[in-house]
Amino acid sequence: MTRRPHKTLSDEDRVLWSLVARTAVPLRGRALPPAETPGPAAGVPPPPVPVSAAPAASAPAKPLPPPPRHLDRPTLDKLAKGRLPIEARVDLHGMTQDEAYSLLFSFLHRAHAAGLRYVLVITGKGSSSGGDGVLRRSVPGWLATSAFRMFVSSHEHAARHHGGAGALYVRLRKVR
C-alpha cells in the first residue's frame, strides 16, 4: 500500500477537525495536547483594513437552508419501483472517511450544479463483525451538516434492490 502525499487542510476542514478533536478523550496516562487555534493560512497576506472612519456595512448573511429531512413516502415508493429515475450514483466502498467525504461532497456539488434531482449514494453495509460500517453510520450525519445543506433536501435508506441499508436515496435541492 502506498501513502498519499500530505495535503494541507482548508480553513473549513480545520474548523471541522477542531470540533471533532474537542470530543476526543486522551488515552490513560497521556496529557491533552495544547489546543490549536485556526489562524490565517501561511503565505496569505491579511485583508486590507478600510481607511474610512465609518464602520463598513456588511452584506446581510444568507441564512442556511433547513436541515435535510426524510423523503416522503410517495417519493420513496416511486424511487423504489423505478418510476422516478435515479440520475446518478456514487459508490463509496473501500474508502477511508476522508476520501469518502471529499468524493461525496464533490459528487453532490457537481450533481446539484447539473440540476440533477435524485441520486444514489452507496455506502456499503460494513464488514465489521456485529456492527455497522463506518460509512454507513457517518454519511447520514454528513448530509445533515451545514456543508451539505446547500445541496441536500432530503435522504432515506434505499430499497433492497438498490442496496437497502447500505445505500441512500438523496434528493438534491433545486438550482435557483
N, C-alpha and C. Protein backbone atom coordinates (compact mmCIF):
# COMPACT_ATOMS: atom_id res chain seq x y z
N MET A 1 0.85 -1.17 0.00
CA MET A 1 0.00 0.00 0.00
C MET A 1 0.89 1.24 0.00
N THR A 2 0.59 2.17 -0.88
CA THR A 2 1.40 3.38 -0.96
C THR A 2 0.71 4.49 -0.19
N ARG A 3 1.51 5.37 0.33
CA ARG A 3 0.97 6.52 1.07
C ARG A 3 0.67 7.65 0.10
N ARG A 4 -0.34 8.37 0.40
CA ARG A 4 -0.69 9.54 -0.41
C ARG A 4 0.09 10.74 0.12
N PRO A 5 0.39 11.68 -0.75
CA PRO A 5 1.12 12.87 -0.28
C PRO A 5 0.26 13.66 0.72
N HIS A 6 0.92 14.27 1.68
CA HIS A 6 0.25 15.04 2.73
C HIS A 6 -0.34 16.31 2.12
N LYS A 7 -1.62 16.55 2.37
CA LYS A 7 -2.29 17.75 1.87
C LYS A 7 -2.58 18.67 3.04
N THR A 8 -2.51 19.96 2.82
CA THR A 8 -2.85 20.90 3.89
C THR A 8 -4.37 21.02 3.97
N LEU A 9 -4.86 21.27 5.15
CA LEU A 9 -6.29 21.39 5.37
C LEU A 9 -6.79 22.78 5.00
N SER A 10 -7.97 22.84 4.44
CA SER A 10 -8.58 24.14 4.18
C SER A 10 -9.09 24.69 5.51
N ASP A 11 -9.46 25.94 5.52
CA ASP A 11 -9.96 26.56 6.75
C ASP A 11 -11.23 25.85 7.23
N GLU A 12 -12.10 25.47 6.29
CA GLU A 12 -13.34 24.77 6.66
C GLU A 12 -13.02 23.41 7.28
N ASP A 13 -12.06 22.68 6.68
CA ASP A 13 -11.67 21.37 7.23
C ASP A 13 -11.01 21.53 8.60
N ARG A 14 -10.24 22.58 8.77
CA ARG A 14 -9.57 22.82 10.04
C ARG A 14 -10.59 23.08 11.16
N VAL A 15 -11.63 23.85 10.84
CA VAL A 15 -12.68 24.13 11.83
C VAL A 15 -13.41 22.83 12.17
N LEU A 16 -13.75 22.04 11.14
CA LEU A 16 -14.43 20.78 11.37
C LEU A 16 -13.57 19.85 12.21
N TRP A 17 -12.27 19.78 11.91
CA TRP A 17 -11.37 18.92 12.67
C TRP A 17 -11.29 19.37 14.13
N SER A 18 -11.25 20.67 14.36
CA SER A 18 -11.14 21.15 15.74
C SER A 18 -12.41 20.78 16.53
N LEU A 19 -13.57 20.79 15.86
CA LEU A 19 -14.80 20.38 16.53
C LEU A 19 -14.75 18.89 16.89
N VAL A 20 -14.24 18.09 16.00
CA VAL A 20 -14.13 16.65 16.26
C VAL A 20 -13.08 16.39 17.33
N ALA A 21 -11.96 17.09 17.25
CA ALA A 21 -10.86 16.86 18.19
C ALA A 21 -11.26 17.21 19.62
N ARG A 22 -12.19 18.15 19.79
CA ARG A 22 -12.62 18.52 21.13
C ARG A 22 -13.38 17.40 21.82
N THR A 23 -13.97 16.52 21.03
CA THR A 23 -14.73 15.42 21.62
C THR A 23 -13.85 14.23 21.96
N ALA A 24 -12.60 14.23 21.52
CA ALA A 24 -11.70 13.10 21.76
C ALA A 24 -11.20 13.13 23.21
N VAL A 25 -11.02 11.94 23.77
CA VAL A 25 -10.51 11.79 25.12
C VAL A 25 -9.12 11.16 25.02
N PRO A 26 -8.10 11.74 25.66
CA PRO A 26 -6.76 11.17 25.56
C PRO A 26 -6.67 9.81 26.23
N LEU A 27 -5.74 8.99 25.76
CA LEU A 27 -5.52 7.69 26.36
C LEU A 27 -5.08 7.86 27.81
N ARG A 28 -5.33 6.84 28.61
CA ARG A 28 -4.97 6.89 30.02
C ARG A 28 -3.45 7.10 30.14
N GLY A 29 -3.04 8.03 30.96
CA GLY A 29 -1.63 8.31 31.18
C GLY A 29 -1.03 9.31 30.19
N ARG A 30 -1.84 9.79 29.25
CA ARG A 30 -1.34 10.75 28.27
C ARG A 30 -1.94 12.13 28.56
N ALA A 31 -1.14 13.15 28.30
CA ALA A 31 -1.61 14.52 28.52
C ALA A 31 -2.34 15.01 27.28
N LEU A 32 -3.27 15.90 27.49
CA LEU A 32 -4.02 16.51 26.39
C LEU A 32 -3.11 17.52 25.69
N PRO A 33 -2.93 17.44 24.35
CA PRO A 33 -2.08 18.41 23.66
C PRO A 33 -2.71 19.79 23.69
N PRO A 34 -1.92 20.85 23.58
CA PRO A 34 -2.48 22.20 23.60
C PRO A 34 -3.41 22.41 22.42
N ALA A 35 -4.48 23.16 22.64
CA ALA A 35 -5.46 23.43 21.59
C ALA A 35 -4.85 24.30 20.51
N GLU A 36 -5.16 23.94 19.29
CA GLU A 36 -4.64 24.69 18.15
C GLU A 36 -5.74 25.61 17.65
N THR A 37 -5.46 26.89 17.56
CA THR A 37 -6.46 27.82 17.07
C THR A 37 -6.25 28.04 15.59
N PRO A 38 -7.31 27.94 14.79
CA PRO A 38 -7.15 28.15 13.36
C PRO A 38 -6.83 29.60 13.07
N GLY A 39 -5.76 29.84 12.41
CA GLY A 39 -5.35 31.17 12.05
C GLY A 39 -5.31 31.31 10.55
N PRO A 40 -4.85 32.44 10.05
CA PRO A 40 -4.76 32.61 8.61
C PRO A 40 -3.72 31.65 8.04
N ALA A 41 -3.95 31.22 6.82
CA ALA A 41 -3.02 30.30 6.16
C ALA A 41 -1.67 30.98 5.94
N ALA A 42 -0.62 30.17 6.00
CA ALA A 42 0.72 30.71 5.82
C ALA A 42 0.88 31.23 4.40
N GLY A 43 1.51 32.36 4.25
CA GLY A 43 1.78 32.94 2.95
C GLY A 43 0.63 33.78 2.42
N VAL A 44 -0.47 33.88 3.13
CA VAL A 44 -1.60 34.68 2.69
C VAL A 44 -1.58 35.98 3.47
N PRO A 45 -1.49 37.12 2.78
CA PRO A 45 -1.46 38.39 3.50
C PRO A 45 -2.81 38.66 4.16
N PRO A 46 -2.81 39.38 5.29
CA PRO A 46 -4.08 39.71 5.94
C PRO A 46 -4.89 40.65 5.06
N PRO A 47 -6.23 40.63 5.19
CA PRO A 47 -7.05 41.51 4.36
C PRO A 47 -6.77 42.97 4.70
N PRO A 48 -6.89 43.86 3.71
CA PRO A 48 -6.63 45.28 3.96
C PRO A 48 -7.67 45.87 4.90
N VAL A 49 -7.23 46.82 5.72
CA VAL A 49 -8.11 47.48 6.68
C VAL A 49 -8.71 48.69 5.99
N PRO A 50 -10.05 48.87 6.08
CA PRO A 50 -10.66 50.04 5.44
C PRO A 50 -10.18 51.33 6.09
N VAL A 51 -9.98 52.35 5.26
CA VAL A 51 -9.43 53.61 5.73
C VAL A 51 -10.52 54.53 6.29
N SER A 52 -11.75 54.38 5.86
CA SER A 52 -12.81 55.29 6.28
C SER A 52 -13.06 55.16 7.78
N ALA A 53 -13.54 56.24 8.37
CA ALA A 53 -13.80 56.26 9.80
C ALA A 53 -15.12 55.57 10.13
N ALA A 54 -16.04 55.55 9.18
CA ALA A 54 -17.34 54.93 9.42
C ALA A 54 -17.20 53.41 9.34
N PRO A 55 -17.90 52.69 10.20
CA PRO A 55 -17.82 51.23 10.12
C PRO A 55 -18.41 50.72 8.81
N ALA A 56 -17.77 49.72 8.26
CA ALA A 56 -18.22 49.16 6.98
C ALA A 56 -19.49 48.36 7.20
N ALA A 57 -20.46 48.58 6.33
CA ALA A 57 -21.71 47.84 6.41
C ALA A 57 -21.51 46.50 5.72
N SER A 58 -21.71 45.43 6.47
CA SER A 58 -21.53 44.11 5.87
C SER A 58 -22.83 43.68 5.22
N ALA A 59 -22.69 42.90 4.18
CA ALA A 59 -23.86 42.39 3.47
C ALA A 59 -24.59 41.42 4.40
N PRO A 60 -25.89 41.43 4.38
CA PRO A 60 -26.62 40.50 5.25
C PRO A 60 -26.31 39.06 4.84
N ALA A 61 -26.01 38.25 5.83
CA ALA A 61 -25.65 36.86 5.56
C ALA A 61 -26.90 36.08 5.19
N LYS A 62 -26.75 35.23 4.16
CA LYS A 62 -27.87 34.40 3.75
C LYS A 62 -28.06 33.30 4.79
N PRO A 63 -29.27 33.11 5.24
CA PRO A 63 -29.50 32.03 6.20
C PRO A 63 -29.32 30.67 5.51
N LEU A 64 -28.85 29.71 6.27
CA LEU A 64 -28.68 28.36 5.73
C LEU A 64 -30.05 27.74 5.46
N PRO A 65 -30.15 26.92 4.43
CA PRO A 65 -31.41 26.21 4.22
C PRO A 65 -31.69 25.29 5.40
N PRO A 66 -32.93 24.87 5.55
CA PRO A 66 -33.24 23.98 6.68
C PRO A 66 -32.50 22.65 6.54
N PRO A 67 -32.28 21.96 7.65
CA PRO A 67 -31.56 20.69 7.57
C PRO A 67 -32.36 19.66 6.77
N PRO A 68 -31.65 18.70 6.15
CA PRO A 68 -32.36 17.69 5.37
C PRO A 68 -33.31 16.88 6.24
N ARG A 69 -34.38 16.45 5.64
CA ARG A 69 -35.35 15.62 6.35
C ARG A 69 -35.50 14.31 5.59
N HIS A 70 -36.35 13.45 6.04
CA HIS A 70 -36.56 12.16 5.38
C HIS A 70 -37.44 12.35 4.15
N LEU A 71 -37.24 11.49 3.16
CA LEU A 71 -38.07 11.53 1.97
C LEU A 71 -39.51 11.16 2.33
N ASP A 72 -40.45 11.78 1.63
CA ASP A 72 -41.85 11.44 1.88
C ASP A 72 -42.15 10.06 1.27
N ARG A 73 -43.16 9.40 1.78
CA ARG A 73 -43.47 8.01 1.41
C ARG A 73 -43.77 7.85 -0.09
N PRO A 74 -44.59 8.71 -0.71
CA PRO A 74 -44.86 8.53 -2.14
C PRO A 74 -43.60 8.62 -3.01
N THR A 75 -42.72 9.56 -2.69
CA THR A 75 -41.48 9.70 -3.45
C THR A 75 -40.59 8.48 -3.24
N LEU A 76 -40.51 8.00 -2.02
CA LEU A 76 -39.70 6.82 -1.71
C LEU A 76 -40.22 5.60 -2.48
N ASP A 77 -41.54 5.45 -2.53
CA ASP A 77 -42.13 4.33 -3.28
C ASP A 77 -41.84 4.45 -4.77
N LYS A 78 -41.93 5.66 -5.33
CA LYS A 78 -41.65 5.85 -6.76
C LYS A 78 -40.19 5.55 -7.10
N LEU A 79 -39.28 5.96 -6.22
CA LEU A 79 -37.86 5.65 -6.45
C LEU A 79 -37.62 4.15 -6.38
N ALA A 80 -38.22 3.49 -5.40
CA ALA A 80 -38.03 2.06 -5.22
C ALA A 80 -38.58 1.26 -6.40
N LYS A 81 -39.70 1.72 -6.97
CA LYS A 81 -40.33 1.00 -8.07
C LYS A 81 -39.79 1.42 -9.44
N GLY A 82 -38.90 2.40 -9.47
CA GLY A 82 -38.31 2.82 -10.73
C GLY A 82 -39.13 3.80 -11.52
N ARG A 83 -40.18 4.36 -10.92
CA ARG A 83 -40.99 5.35 -11.62
C ARG A 83 -40.37 6.74 -11.58
N LEU A 84 -39.47 6.96 -10.65
CA LEU A 84 -38.67 8.19 -10.61
C LEU A 84 -37.24 7.77 -10.90
N PRO A 85 -36.59 8.40 -11.86
CA PRO A 85 -35.24 7.94 -12.22
C PRO A 85 -34.18 8.38 -11.21
N ILE A 86 -33.25 7.47 -10.98
CA ILE A 86 -32.05 7.82 -10.21
C ILE A 86 -31.06 8.32 -11.25
N GLU A 87 -30.74 9.61 -11.19
CA GLU A 87 -29.99 10.25 -12.27
C GLU A 87 -28.49 10.06 -12.17
N ALA A 88 -27.98 9.72 -10.99
CA ALA A 88 -26.54 9.48 -10.83
C ALA A 88 -26.34 8.65 -9.58
N ARG A 89 -25.18 8.01 -9.49
CA ARG A 89 -24.86 7.23 -8.30
C ARG A 89 -23.37 7.33 -8.02
N VAL A 90 -23.03 7.18 -6.75
CA VAL A 90 -21.63 7.19 -6.33
C VAL A 90 -21.43 6.03 -5.36
N ASP A 91 -20.33 5.33 -5.51
CA ASP A 91 -20.03 4.17 -4.67
C ASP A 91 -18.84 4.51 -3.78
N LEU A 92 -19.04 4.45 -2.47
CA LEU A 92 -18.01 4.81 -1.50
C LEU A 92 -17.33 3.59 -0.89
N HIS A 93 -17.59 2.40 -1.44
CA HIS A 93 -17.00 1.16 -0.90
C HIS A 93 -15.49 1.25 -0.80
N GLY A 94 -14.93 0.77 0.28
CA GLY A 94 -13.49 0.63 0.43
C GLY A 94 -12.72 1.92 0.62
N MET A 95 -13.40 3.01 0.86
CA MET A 95 -12.72 4.30 1.04
C MET A 95 -12.58 4.62 2.52
N THR A 96 -11.57 5.44 2.82
CA THR A 96 -11.45 5.95 4.17
C THR A 96 -12.50 7.05 4.34
N GLN A 97 -12.73 7.49 5.56
CA GLN A 97 -13.72 8.54 5.79
C GLN A 97 -13.34 9.83 5.07
N ASP A 98 -12.05 10.18 5.09
CA ASP A 98 -11.62 11.41 4.42
C ASP A 98 -11.86 11.34 2.92
N GLU A 99 -11.50 10.21 2.31
CA GLU A 99 -11.70 10.04 0.87
C GLU A 99 -13.18 10.06 0.54
N ALA A 100 -13.98 9.35 1.34
CA ALA A 100 -15.42 9.28 1.09
C ALA A 100 -16.07 10.65 1.24
N TYR A 101 -15.68 11.41 2.25
CA TYR A 101 -16.25 12.74 2.47
C TYR A 101 -15.95 13.65 1.28
N SER A 102 -14.68 13.65 0.84
CA SER A 102 -14.29 14.50 -0.28
C SER A 102 -15.03 14.11 -1.56
N LEU A 103 -15.09 12.81 -1.84
CA LEU A 103 -15.78 12.35 -3.05
C LEU A 103 -17.27 12.66 -2.97
N LEU A 104 -17.89 12.43 -1.83
CA LEU A 104 -19.32 12.70 -1.68
C LEU A 104 -19.62 14.19 -1.86
N PHE A 105 -18.80 15.04 -1.25
CA PHE A 105 -19.02 16.48 -1.38
C PHE A 105 -18.89 16.93 -2.83
N SER A 106 -17.83 16.50 -3.51
CA SER A 106 -17.64 16.93 -4.91
C SER A 106 -18.72 16.34 -5.81
N PHE A 107 -19.11 15.08 -5.56
CA PHE A 107 -20.17 14.45 -6.35
C PHE A 107 -21.49 15.20 -6.21
N LEU A 108 -21.89 15.50 -4.97
CA LEU A 108 -23.15 16.20 -4.75
C LEU A 108 -23.11 17.63 -5.28
N HIS A 109 -21.95 18.26 -5.17
CA HIS A 109 -21.79 19.62 -5.71
C HIS A 109 -21.99 19.61 -7.23
N ARG A 110 -21.34 18.67 -7.92
CA ARG A 110 -21.47 18.58 -9.38
C ARG A 110 -22.89 18.19 -9.79
N ALA A 111 -23.49 17.25 -9.07
CA ALA A 111 -24.85 16.81 -9.39
C ALA A 111 -25.84 17.96 -9.20
N HIS A 112 -25.68 18.72 -8.14
CA HIS A 112 -26.56 19.87 -7.88
C HIS A 112 -26.38 20.92 -8.97
N ALA A 113 -25.13 21.20 -9.34
CA ALA A 113 -24.87 22.19 -10.38
C ALA A 113 -25.44 21.75 -11.72
N ALA A 114 -25.48 20.44 -11.97
CA ALA A 114 -26.02 19.92 -13.23
C ALA A 114 -27.55 19.87 -13.22
N GLY A 115 -28.15 20.19 -12.08
CA GLY A 115 -29.61 20.21 -11.99
C GLY A 115 -30.23 18.85 -11.74
N LEU A 116 -29.43 17.87 -11.31
CA LEU A 116 -29.97 16.55 -11.01
C LEU A 116 -30.82 16.63 -9.76
N ARG A 117 -31.79 15.73 -9.65
CA ARG A 117 -32.72 15.80 -8.52
C ARG A 117 -32.57 14.62 -7.56
N TYR A 118 -32.43 13.38 -8.09
CA TYR A 118 -32.34 12.20 -7.23
C TYR A 118 -31.07 11.42 -7.57
N VAL A 119 -30.28 11.15 -6.54
CA VAL A 119 -29.03 10.39 -6.71
C VAL A 119 -29.00 9.26 -5.67
N LEU A 120 -28.15 8.27 -5.95
CA LEU A 120 -27.98 7.14 -5.05
C LEU A 120 -26.57 7.16 -4.51
N VAL A 121 -26.42 7.11 -3.20
CA VAL A 121 -25.12 7.08 -2.54
C VAL A 121 -24.97 5.69 -1.92
N ILE A 122 -24.00 4.93 -2.41
CA ILE A 122 -23.78 3.56 -1.92
C ILE A 122 -22.67 3.60 -0.89
N THR A 123 -23.00 3.26 0.35
CA THR A 123 -22.01 3.27 1.43
C THR A 123 -21.51 1.87 1.74
N GLY A 124 -22.29 0.87 1.45
CA GLY A 124 -21.98 -0.50 1.86
C GLY A 124 -22.48 -0.70 3.28
N LYS A 125 -22.58 -1.96 3.66
CA LYS A 125 -23.11 -2.27 4.98
C LYS A 125 -22.01 -2.40 6.02
N GLY A 126 -20.78 -2.45 5.60
CA GLY A 126 -19.68 -2.59 6.55
C GLY A 126 -19.32 -4.04 6.76
N SER A 127 -18.06 -4.28 7.11
CA SER A 127 -17.61 -5.66 7.27
C SER A 127 -17.19 -5.99 8.69
N SER A 128 -17.40 -5.05 9.61
CA SER A 128 -17.03 -5.33 10.99
C SER A 128 -18.00 -6.33 11.59
N SER A 129 -17.48 -7.22 12.41
CA SER A 129 -18.34 -8.27 12.97
C SER A 129 -19.31 -7.69 13.99
N GLY A 130 -20.58 -7.88 13.73
CA GLY A 130 -21.60 -7.47 14.68
C GLY A 130 -21.91 -5.99 14.71
N GLY A 131 -21.27 -5.17 13.87
CA GLY A 131 -21.53 -3.74 13.91
C GLY A 131 -21.80 -3.17 12.54
N ASP A 132 -22.25 -1.94 12.51
CA ASP A 132 -22.48 -1.25 11.25
C ASP A 132 -21.16 -0.75 10.69
N GLY A 133 -21.13 -0.52 9.40
CA GLY A 133 -19.96 0.05 8.78
C GLY A 133 -19.79 1.50 9.16
N VAL A 134 -18.57 1.97 9.10
CA VAL A 134 -18.27 3.35 9.48
C VAL A 134 -18.97 4.33 8.54
N LEU A 135 -18.88 4.08 7.24
CA LEU A 135 -19.51 5.00 6.28
C LEU A 135 -21.03 4.92 6.37
N ARG A 136 -21.55 3.75 6.64
CA ARG A 136 -23.00 3.60 6.76
C ARG A 136 -23.54 4.46 7.90
N ARG A 137 -22.77 4.57 8.98
CA ARG A 137 -23.18 5.41 10.11
C ARG A 137 -22.88 6.88 9.86
N SER A 138 -21.77 7.18 9.18
CA SER A 138 -21.30 8.56 9.05
C SER A 138 -22.02 9.37 7.99
N VAL A 139 -22.31 8.77 6.85
CA VAL A 139 -22.85 9.54 5.71
C VAL A 139 -24.15 10.27 6.05
N PRO A 140 -25.14 9.64 6.70
CA PRO A 140 -26.34 10.42 7.04
C PRO A 140 -26.03 11.63 7.94
N GLY A 141 -25.07 11.48 8.83
CA GLY A 141 -24.66 12.61 9.66
C GLY A 141 -24.01 13.71 8.83
N TRP A 142 -23.19 13.32 7.87
CA TRP A 142 -22.55 14.31 6.99
C TRP A 142 -23.61 15.08 6.20
N LEU A 143 -24.61 14.38 5.71
CA LEU A 143 -25.64 15.02 4.89
C LEU A 143 -26.42 16.07 5.69
N ALA A 144 -26.41 15.97 7.01
CA ALA A 144 -27.13 16.92 7.85
C ALA A 144 -26.27 18.12 8.25
N THR A 145 -24.97 18.13 7.89
CA THR A 145 -24.11 19.24 8.26
C THR A 145 -24.34 20.44 7.34
N SER A 146 -23.87 21.58 7.78
CA SER A 146 -24.08 22.81 7.01
C SER A 146 -23.36 22.78 5.66
N ALA A 147 -22.28 22.02 5.54
CA ALA A 147 -21.57 21.94 4.27
C ALA A 147 -22.44 21.32 3.18
N PHE A 148 -23.30 20.38 3.55
CA PHE A 148 -24.13 19.69 2.57
C PHE A 148 -25.53 20.28 2.45
N ARG A 149 -25.91 21.16 3.35
CA ARG A 149 -27.27 21.72 3.34
C ARG A 149 -27.59 22.46 2.05
N MET A 150 -26.57 23.03 1.42
CA MET A 150 -26.80 23.80 0.20
C MET A 150 -27.23 22.89 -0.96
N PHE A 151 -26.94 21.59 -0.86
CA PHE A 151 -27.23 20.66 -1.95
C PHE A 151 -28.37 19.71 -1.60
N VAL A 152 -28.41 19.21 -0.36
CA VAL A 152 -29.28 18.10 0.01
C VAL A 152 -30.59 18.60 0.60
N SER A 153 -31.69 18.12 0.02
CA SER A 153 -33.01 18.45 0.52
C SER A 153 -33.49 17.39 1.50
N SER A 154 -33.30 16.10 1.13
CA SER A 154 -33.71 15.00 2.00
C SER A 154 -32.98 13.73 1.60
N HIS A 155 -33.03 12.73 2.48
CA HIS A 155 -32.40 11.45 2.20
C HIS A 155 -33.10 10.35 2.97
N GLU A 156 -32.93 9.11 2.49
CA GLU A 156 -33.57 7.96 3.12
C GLU A 156 -32.85 6.70 2.65
N HIS A 157 -32.90 5.64 3.45
CA HIS A 157 -32.30 4.37 3.05
C HIS A 157 -32.98 3.87 1.78
N ALA A 158 -32.20 3.25 0.92
CA ALA A 158 -32.69 2.79 -0.38
C ALA A 158 -33.48 1.50 -0.26
N ALA A 159 -34.21 1.17 -1.32
CA ALA A 159 -34.92 -0.10 -1.40
C ALA A 159 -33.90 -1.23 -1.51
N ARG A 160 -34.35 -2.43 -1.22
CA ARG A 160 -33.43 -3.57 -1.16
C ARG A 160 -32.69 -3.80 -2.47
N HIS A 161 -33.36 -3.68 -3.61
CA HIS A 161 -32.69 -3.92 -4.89
C HIS A 161 -31.75 -2.78 -5.29
N HIS A 162 -31.78 -1.65 -4.59
CA HIS A 162 -30.83 -0.56 -4.81
C HIS A 162 -29.71 -0.54 -3.78
N GLY A 163 -29.70 -1.50 -2.86
CA GLY A 163 -28.64 -1.56 -1.86
C GLY A 163 -29.16 -1.61 -0.43
N GLY A 164 -30.45 -1.40 -0.24
CA GLY A 164 -31.05 -1.48 1.09
C GLY A 164 -30.40 -0.55 2.09
N ALA A 165 -30.06 -1.11 3.24
CA ALA A 165 -29.48 -0.30 4.31
C ALA A 165 -28.06 0.14 3.99
N GLY A 166 -27.47 -0.39 2.92
CA GLY A 166 -26.11 0.00 2.53
C GLY A 166 -26.10 1.09 1.47
N ALA A 167 -27.24 1.73 1.23
CA ALA A 167 -27.32 2.80 0.23
C ALA A 167 -28.36 3.82 0.67
N LEU A 168 -28.25 5.02 0.13
CA LEU A 168 -29.17 6.10 0.47
C LEU A 168 -29.68 6.76 -0.80
N TYR A 169 -30.99 7.02 -0.84
CA TYR A 169 -31.54 7.90 -1.87
C TYR A 169 -31.33 9.31 -1.34
N VAL A 170 -30.85 10.20 -2.19
CA VAL A 170 -30.65 11.60 -1.80
C VAL A 170 -31.38 12.48 -2.79
N ARG A 171 -32.27 13.35 -2.26
CA ARG A 171 -32.94 14.34 -3.11
C ARG A 171 -32.16 15.64 -2.98
N LEU A 172 -31.75 16.18 -4.11
CA LEU A 172 -31.00 17.43 -4.12
C LEU A 172 -31.94 18.61 -4.25
N ARG A 173 -31.51 19.73 -3.74
CA ARG A 173 -32.32 20.96 -3.83
C ARG A 173 -32.34 21.43 -5.27
N LYS A 174 -33.38 22.16 -5.61
CA LYS A 174 -33.48 22.72 -6.95
C LYS A 174 -32.49 23.86 -7.09
N VAL A 175 -31.90 23.98 -8.28
CA VAL A 175 -30.95 25.06 -8.54
C VAL A 175 -31.74 26.34 -8.74
N ARG A 176 -31.32 27.40 -8.07
CA ARG A 176 -32.03 28.69 -8.17
C ARG A 176 -31.40 29.54 -9.23
